[in-house]
Amino acid sequence: AAVSEYYFEEESLLALSLPASRLYPQII
């Protein structure tokens, strides 16, 4: 869950998580 683990002021984590979540279906 790319967004549910995101906390306030963790924009860098969100910036990594969202693109990774979009690539995940291709990897699977």
PDB file of all heavy atoms in Angstrom:
ATOM      1  N   ALA A   1       0.840  -1.193   0.000  1.00  0.00           N
ATOM      2  CA  ALA A   1       0.000   0.000   0.000  1.00  0.00           C
ATOM      3  C   ALA A   1       0.875   1.243   0.000  1.00  0.00           C
ATOM      4  O   ALA A   1       1.371   1.666   1.036  1.00  0.00           O
ATOM      5  CB  ALA A   1      -0.919  -0.008   1.207  1.00  0.00           C
ATOM      6  N   ALA A   2       1.065   1.794  -1.173  1.00  0.00           N
ATOM      7  CA  ALA A   2       1.984   2.925  -1.314  1.00  0.00           C
ATOM      8  C   ALA A   2       1.574   4.143  -0.498  1.00  0.00           C
ATOM      9  O   ALA A   2       2.421   4.880  -0.018  1.00  0.00           O
ATOM     10  CB  ALA A   2       2.077   3.310  -2.790  1.00  0.00           C
ATOM     11  N   VAL A   3       0.300   4.359  -0.332  1.00  0.00           N
ATOM     12  CA  VAL A   3      -0.149   5.584   0.328  1.00  0.00           C
ATOM     13  C   VAL A   3      -0.479   5.361   1.799  1.00  0.00           C
ATOM     14  O   VAL A   3      -0.249   6.241   2.621  1.00  0.00           O
ATOM     15  CB  VAL A   3      -1.369   6.178  -0.420  1.00  0.00           C
ATOM     16  CG1 VAL A   3      -1.868   7.425   0.272  1.00  0.00           C
ATOM     17  CG2 VAL A   3      -0.988   6.491  -1.855  1.00  0.00           C
ATOM     18  N   SER A   4      -0.954   4.189   2.179  1.00  0.00           N
ATOM     19  CA  SER A   4      -1.377   4.009   3.564  1.00  0.00           C
ATOM     20  C   SER A   4      -0.209   4.023   4.549  1.00  0.00           C
ATOM     21  O   SER A   4      -0.410   4.241   5.733  1.00  0.00           O
ATOM     22  CB  SER A   4      -2.169   2.717   3.722  1.00  0.00           C
ATOM     23  OG  SER A   4      -1.335   1.608   3.529  1.00  0.00           O
ATOM     24  N   GLU A   5       1.010   3.817   4.083  1.00  0.00           N
ATOM     25  CA  GLU A   5       2.185   3.865   4.956  1.00  0.00           C
ATOM     26  C   GLU A   5       2.818   5.255   4.977  1.00  0.00           C
ATOM     27  O   GLU A   5       3.828   5.468   5.625  1.00  0.00           O
ATOM     28  CB  GLU A   5       3.226   2.841   4.489  1.00  0.00           C
ATOM     29  CG  GLU A   5       2.723   1.419   4.492  1.00  0.00           C
ATOM     30  CD  GLU A   5       2.374   0.910   5.886  1.00  0.00           C
ATOM     31  OE1 GLU A   5       3.069   1.277   6.845  1.00  0.00           O
ATOM     32  OE2 GLU A   5       1.394   0.163   6.005  1.00  0.00           O
ATOM     33  N   TYR A   6       2.231   6.171   4.272  1.00  0.00           N
ATOM     34  CA  TYR A   6       2.764   7.532   4.128  1.00  0.00           C
ATOM     35  C   TYR A   6       2.358   8.391   5.326  1.00  0.00           C
ATOM     36  O   TYR A   6       1.221   8.380   5.751  1.00  0.00           O
ATOM     37  CB  TYR A   6       2.213   8.130   2.832  1.00  0.00           C
ATOM     38  CG  TYR A   6       2.463   9.588   2.630  1.00  0.00           C
ATOM     39  CD1 TYR A   6       3.728  10.062   2.323  1.00  0.00           C
ATOM     40  CD2 TYR A   6       1.430  10.508   2.733  1.00  0.00           C
ATOM     41  CE1 TYR A   6       3.966  11.406   2.128  1.00  0.00           C
ATOM     42  CE2 TYR A   6       1.648  11.863   2.536  1.00  0.00           C
ATOM     43  CZ  TYR A   6       2.921  12.301   2.241  1.00  0.00           C
ATOM     44  OH  TYR A   6       3.151  13.633   2.049  1.00  0.00           O
ATOM     45  N   TYR A   7       3.324   9.108   5.881  1.00  0.00           N
ATOM     46  CA  TYR A   7       3.067  10.018   6.989  1.00  0.00           C
ATOM     47  C   TYR A   7       3.324  11.456   6.556  1.00  0.00           C
ATOM     48  O   TYR A   7       4.070  11.711   5.612  1.00  0.00           O
ATOM     49  CB  TYR A   7       3.983   9.693   8.185  1.00  0.00           C
ATOM     50  CG  TYR A   7       3.666   8.372   8.810  1.00  0.00           C
ATOM     51  CD1 TYR A   7       4.447   7.261   8.525  1.00  0.00           C
ATOM     52  CD2 TYR A   7       2.592   8.220   9.675  1.00  0.00           C
ATOM     53  CE1 TYR A   7       4.157   6.032   9.092  1.00  0.00           C
ATOM     54  CE2 TYR A   7       2.303   6.994  10.246  1.00  0.00           C
ATOM     55  CZ  TYR A   7       3.090   5.905   9.949  1.00  0.00           C
ATOM     56  OH  TYR A   7       2.805   4.697  10.500  1.00  0.00           O
ATOM     57  N   PHE A   8       2.753  12.388   7.254  1.00  0.00           N
ATOM     58  CA  PHE A   8       2.932  13.806   6.987  1.00  0.00           C
ATOM     59  C   PHE A   8       4.423  14.133   6.871  1.00  0.00           C
ATOM     60  O   PHE A   8       5.227  13.681   7.680  1.00  0.00           O
ATOM     61  CB  PHE A   8       2.274  14.615   8.102  1.00  0.00           C
ATOM     62  CG  PHE A   8       2.400  16.099   7.932  1.00  0.00           C
ATOM     63  CD1 PHE A   8       1.748  16.753   6.905  1.00  0.00           C
ATOM     64  CD2 PHE A   8       3.198  16.830   8.793  1.00  0.00           C
ATOM     65  CE1 PHE A   8       1.871  18.117   6.741  1.00  0.00           C
ATOM     66  CE2 PHE A   8       3.326  18.200   8.642  1.00  0.00           C
ATOM     67  CZ  PHE A   8       2.660  18.854   7.610  1.00  0.00           C
ATOM     68  N   GLU A   9       4.767  14.909   5.893  1.00  0.00           N
ATOM     69  CA  GLU A   9       6.129  15.370   5.604  1.00  0.00           C
ATOM     70  C   GLU A   9       7.061  14.262   5.111  1.00  0.00           C
ATOM     71  O   GLU A   9       8.274  14.370   5.205  1.00  0.00           O
ATOM     72  CB  GLU A   9       6.750  16.094   6.805  1.00  0.00           C
ATOM     73  CG  GLU A   9       6.025  17.380   7.147  1.00  0.00           C
ATOM     74  CD  GLU A   9       6.704  18.162   8.266  1.00  0.00           C
ATOM     75  OE1 GLU A   9       7.649  17.656   8.892  1.00  0.00           O
ATOM     76  OE2 GLU A   9       6.275  19.300   8.501  1.00  0.00           O
ATOM     77  N   GLU A  10       6.507  13.192   4.548  1.00  0.00           N
ATOM     78  CA  GLU A  10       7.324  12.139   3.939  1.00  0.00           C
ATOM     79  C   GLU A  10       7.109  12.130   2.425  1.00  0.00           C
ATOM     80  O   GLU A  10       6.885  11.094   1.819  1.00  0.00           O
ATOM     81  CB  GLU A  10       6.992  10.778   4.526  1.00  0.00           C
ATOM     82  CG  GLU A  10       7.482  10.593   5.930  1.00  0.00           C
ATOM     83  CD  GLU A  10       7.247   9.182   6.444  1.00  0.00           C
ATOM     84  OE1 GLU A  10       6.260   8.542   6.041  1.00  0.00           O
ATOM     85  OE2 GLU A  10       8.064   8.736   7.251  1.00  0.00           O
ATOM     86  N   GLU A  11       7.222  13.298   1.818  1.00  0.00           N
ATOM     87  CA  GLU A  11       6.983  13.416   0.392  1.00  0.00           C
ATOM     88  C   GLU A  11       7.950  12.566  -0.428  1.00  0.00           C
ATOM     89  O   GLU A  11       7.586  12.029  -1.472  1.00  0.00           O
ATOM     90  CB  GLU A  11       7.062  14.875  -0.066  1.00  0.00           C
ATOM     91  CG  GLU A  11       5.890  15.725   0.386  1.00  0.00           C
ATOM     92  CD  GLU A  11       6.042  16.233   1.819  1.00  0.00           C
ATOM     93  OE1 GLU A  11       7.144  16.109   2.404  1.00  0.00           O
ATOM     94  OE2 GLU A  11       5.041  16.737   2.365  1.00  0.00           O
ATOM     95  N   SER A  12       9.195  12.428   0.051  1.00  0.00           N
ATOM     96  CA  SER A  12      10.168  11.627  -0.692  1.00  0.00           C
ATOM     97  C   SER A  12       9.758  10.152  -0.716  1.00  0.00           C
ATOM     98  O   SER A  12       9.939   9.465  -1.726  1.00  0.00           O
ATOM     99  CB  SER A  12      11.576  11.793  -0.125  1.00  0.00           C
ATOM    100  OG  SER A  12      11.612  11.412   1.231  1.00  0.00           O
ATOM    101  N   LEU A  13       9.177   9.651   0.375  1.00  0.00           N
ATOM    102  CA  LEU A  13       8.680   8.278   0.401  1.00  0.00           C
ATOM    103  C   LEU A  13       7.519   8.114  -0.570  1.00  0.00           C
ATOM    104  O   LEU A  13       7.468   7.148  -1.327  1.00  0.00           O
ATOM    105  CB  LEU A  13       8.240   7.895   1.814  1.00  0.00           C
ATOM    106  CG  LEU A  13       7.595   6.515   1.959  1.00  0.00           C
ATOM    107  CD1 LEU A  13       8.564   5.416   1.556  1.00  0.00           C
ATOM    108  CD2 LEU A  13       7.111   6.310   3.385  1.00  0.00           C
ATOM    109  N   LEU A  14       6.611   9.053  -0.572  1.00  0.00           N
ATOM    110  CA  LEU A  14       5.481   8.997  -1.491  1.00  0.00           C
ATOM    111  C   LEU A  14       5.945   9.072  -2.942  1.00  0.00           C
ATOM    112  O   LEU A  14       5.442   8.353  -3.803  1.00  0.00           O
ATOM    113  CB  LEU A  14       4.496  10.134  -1.194  1.00  0.00           C
ATOM    114  CG  LEU A  14       3.182  10.096  -1.961  1.00  0.00           C
ATOM    115  CD1 LEU A  14       2.398   8.829  -1.621  1.00  0.00           C
ATOM    116  CD2 LEU A  14       2.362  11.335  -1.672  1.00  0.00           C
ATOM    117  N   ALA A  15       6.960   9.904  -3.208  1.00  0.00           N
ATOM    118  CA  ALA A  15       7.489  10.049  -4.566  1.00  0.00           C
ATOM    119  C   ALA A  15       8.103   8.740  -5.074  1.00  0.00           C
ATOM    120  O   ALA A  15       8.092   8.476  -6.280  1.00  0.00           O
ATOM    121  CB  ALA A  15       8.523  11.162  -4.607  1.00  0.00           C
ATOM    122  N   LEU A  16       8.618   7.915  -4.196  1.00  0.00           N
ATOM    123  CA  LEU A  16       9.144   6.597  -4.582  1.00  0.00           C
ATOM    124  C   LEU A  16       8.042   5.545  -4.649  1.00  0.00           C
ATOM    125  O   LEU A  16       8.036   4.677  -5.519  1.00  0.00           O
ATOM    126  CB  LEU A  16      10.197   6.132  -3.576  1.00  0.00           C
ATOM    127  CG  LEU A  16      11.519   6.867  -3.571  1.00  0.00           C
ATOM    128  CD1 LEU A  16      12.361   6.423  -2.378  1.00  0.00           C
ATOM    129  CD2 LEU A  16      12.266   6.627  -4.864  1.00  0.00           C
ATOM    130  N   SER A  17       7.107   5.604  -3.719  1.00  0.00           N
ATOM    131  CA  SER A  17       6.094   4.563  -3.589  1.00  0.00           C
ATOM    132  C   SER A  17       5.076   4.542  -4.720  1.00  0.00           C
ATOM    133  O   SER A  17       4.708   3.468  -5.201  1.00  0.00           O
ATOM    134  CB  SER A  17       5.349   4.722  -2.264  1.00  0.00           C
ATOM    135  OG  SER A  17       6.224   4.566  -1.192  1.00  0.00           O
ATOM    136  N   LEU A  18       4.615   5.685  -5.136  1.00  0.00           N
ATOM    137  CA  LEU A  18       3.578   5.708  -6.173  1.00  0.00           C
ATOM    138  C   LEU A  18       4.056   5.154  -7.515  1.00  0.00           C
ATOM    139  O   LEU A  18       3.385   4.297  -8.095  1.00  0.00           O
ATOM    140  CB  LEU A  18       2.993   7.114  -6.319  1.00  0.00           C
ATOM    141  CG  LEU A  18       2.115   7.547  -5.143  1.00  0.00           C
ATOM    142  CD1 LEU A  18       1.659   8.990  -5.319  1.00  0.00           C
ATOM    143  CD2 LEU A  18       0.925   6.628  -4.975  1.00  0.00           C
ATOM    144  N   PRO A  19       5.214   5.585  -8.034  1.00  0.00           N
ATOM    145  CA  PRO A  19       5.687   4.973  -9.289  1.00  0.00           C
ATOM    146  C   PRO A  19       5.959   3.477  -9.137  1.00  0.00           C
ATOM    147  O   PRO A  19       5.683   2.695 -10.046  1.00  0.00           O
ATOM    148  CB  PRO A  19       6.977   5.741  -9.605  1.00  0.00           C
ATOM    149  CG  PRO A  19       6.854   7.028  -8.880  1.00  0.00           C
ATOM    150  CD  PRO A  19       6.060   6.706  -7.641  1.00  0.00           C
ATOM    151  N   ALA A  20       6.484   3.058  -7.975  1.00  0.00           N
ATOM    152  CA  ALA A  20       6.739   1.639  -7.746  1.00  0.00           C
ATOM    153  C   ALA A  20       5.437   0.851  -7.764  1.00  0.00           C
ATOM    154  O   ALA A  20       5.380  -0.262  -8.307  1.00  0.00           O
ATOM    155  CB  ALA A  20       7.469   1.442  -6.422  1.00  0.00           C
ATOM    156  N   SER A  21       4.385   1.410  -7.189  1.00  0.00           N
ATOM    157  CA  SER A  21       3.102   0.698  -7.178  1.00  0.00           C
ATOM    158  C   SER A  21       2.531   0.558  -8.586  1.00  0.00           C
ATOM    159  O   SER A  21       1.829  -0.408  -8.876  1.00  0.00           O
ATOM    160  CB  SER A  21       2.098   1.396  -6.259  1.00  0.00           C
ATOM    161  OG  SER A  21       1.698   2.632  -6.797  1.00  0.00           O
ATOM    162  N   ARG A  22       2.864   1.478  -9.455  1.00  0.00           N
ATOM    163  CA  ARG A  22       2.392   1.383 -10.852  1.00  0.00           C
ATOM    164  C   ARG A  22       3.195   0.352 -11.648  1.00  0.00           C
ATOM    165  O   ARG A  22       2.694  -0.214 -12.613  1.00  0.00           O
ATOM    166  CB  ARG A  22       2.439   2.752 -11.501  1.00  0.00           C
ATOM    167  CG  ARG A  22       1.388   3.686 -10.921  1.00  0.00           C
ATOM    168  CD  ARG A  22       1.311   5.010 -11.661  1.00  0.00           C
ATOM    169  NE  ARG A  22       0.352   5.872 -11.016  1.00  0.00           N
ATOM    170  CZ  ARG A  22       0.672   6.840 -10.154  1.00  0.00           C
ATOM    171  NH1 ARG A  22       1.928   7.099  -9.862  1.00  0.00           N
ATOM    172  NH2 ARG A  22      -0.274   7.579  -9.600  1.00  0.00           N
ATOM    173  N   LEU A  23       4.445   0.116 -11.280  1.00  0.00           N
ATOM    174  CA  LEU A  23       5.278  -0.885 -11.953  1.00  0.00           C
ATOM    175  C   LEU A  23       4.987  -2.306 -11.464  1.00  0.00           C
ATOM    176  O   LEU A  23       5.253  -3.274 -12.172  1.00  0.00           O
ATOM    177  CB  LEU A  23       6.763  -0.585 -11.719  1.00  0.00           C
ATOM    178  CG  LEU A  23       7.333   0.608 -12.443  1.00  0.00           C
ATOM    179  CD1 LEU A  23       8.767   0.878 -11.979  1.00  0.00           C
ATOM    180  CD2 LEU A  23       7.292   0.395 -13.946  1.00  0.00           C
ATOM    181  N   TYR A  24       4.449  -2.424 -10.280  1.00  0.00           N
ATOM    182  CA  TYR A  24       4.258  -3.731  -9.658  1.00  0.00           C
ATOM    183  C   TYR A  24       3.448  -4.716 -10.522  1.00  0.00           C
ATOM    184  O   TYR A  24       3.847  -5.876 -10.643  1.00  0.00           O
ATOM    185  CB  TYR A  24       3.620  -3.557  -8.277  1.00  0.00           C
ATOM    186  CG  TYR A  24       3.509  -4.830  -7.501  1.00  0.00           C
ATOM    187  CD1 TYR A  24       4.642  -5.455  -6.986  1.00  0.00           C
ATOM    188  CD2 TYR A  24       2.273  -5.432  -7.290  1.00  0.00           C
ATOM    189  CE1 TYR A  24       4.549  -6.635  -6.273  1.00  0.00           C
ATOM    190  CE2 TYR A  24       2.179  -6.613  -6.571  1.00  0.00           C
ATOM    191  CZ  TYR A  24       3.313  -7.204  -6.072  1.00  0.00           C
ATOM    192  OH  TYR A  24       3.217  -8.374  -5.378  1.00  0.00           O
ATOM    193  N   PRO A  25       2.355  -4.312 -11.166  1.00  0.00           N
ATOM    194  CA  PRO A  25       1.621  -5.278 -11.996  1.00  0.00           C
ATOM    195  C   PRO A  25       2.475  -5.871 -13.121  1.00  0.00           C
ATOM    196  O   PRO A  25       2.344  -7.053 -13.438  1.00  0.00           O
ATOM    197  CB  PRO A  25       0.455  -4.455 -12.567  1.00  0.00           C
ATOM    198  CG  PRO A  25       0.259  -3.357 -11.578  1.00  0.00           C
ATOM    199  CD  PRO A  25       1.629  -3.029 -11.068  1.00  0.00           C
ATOM    200  N   GLN A  26       3.375  -5.079 -13.690  1.00  0.00           N
ATOM    201  CA  GLN A  26       4.261  -5.595 -14.746  1.00  0.00           C
ATOM    202  C   GLN A  26       5.237  -6.622 -14.179  1.00  0.00           C
ATOM    203  O   GLN A  26       5.515  -7.643 -14.808  1.00  0.00           O
ATOM    204  CB  GLN A  26       5.049  -4.455 -15.381  1.00  0.00           C
ATOM    205  CG  GLN A  26       4.205  -3.445 -16.097  1.00  0.00           C
ATOM    206  CD  GLN A  26       5.005  -2.202 -16.470  1.00  0.00           C
ATOM    207  OE1 GLN A  26       6.205  -2.118 -16.251  1.00  0.00           O
ATOM    208  NE2 GLN A  26       4.328  -1.227 -17.049  1.00  0.00           N
ATOM    209  N   ILE A  27       5.762  -6.357 -12.998  1.00  0.00           N
ATOM    210  CA  ILE A  27       6.700  -7.277 -12.365  1.00  0.00           C
ATOM    211  C   ILE A  27       6.006  -8.597 -12.044  1.00  0.00           C
ATOM    212  O   ILE A  27       6.538  -9.682 -12.287  1.00  0.00           O
ATOM    213  CB  ILE A  27       7.315  -6.645 -11.098  1.00  0.00           C
ATOM    214  CG1 ILE A  27       8.172  -5.443 -11.487  1.00  0.00           C
ATOM    215  CG2 ILE A  27       8.118  -7.665 -10.297  1.00  0.00           C
ATOM    216  CD1 ILE A  27       8.577  -4.565 -10.318  1.00  0.00           C
ATOM    217  N   ILE A  28       4.797  -8.516 -11.516  1.00  0.00           N
ATOM    218  CA  ILE A  28       4.031  -9.720 -11.189  1.00  0.00           C
ATOM    219  C   ILE A  28       3.700 -10.516 -12.444  1.00  0.00           C
ATOM    220  O   ILE A  28       3.789 -11.750 -12.456  1.00  0.00           O
ATOM    221  CB  ILE A  28       2.742  -9.345 -10.414  1.00  0.00           C
ATOM    222  CG1 ILE A  28       3.102  -8.898  -9.012  1.00  0.00           C
ATOM    223  CG2 ILE A  28       1.750 -10.488 -10.367  1.00  0.00           C
ATOM    224  CD1 ILE A  28       3.785  -9.963  -8.180  1.00  0.00           C
TER     225      ILE A  28
END
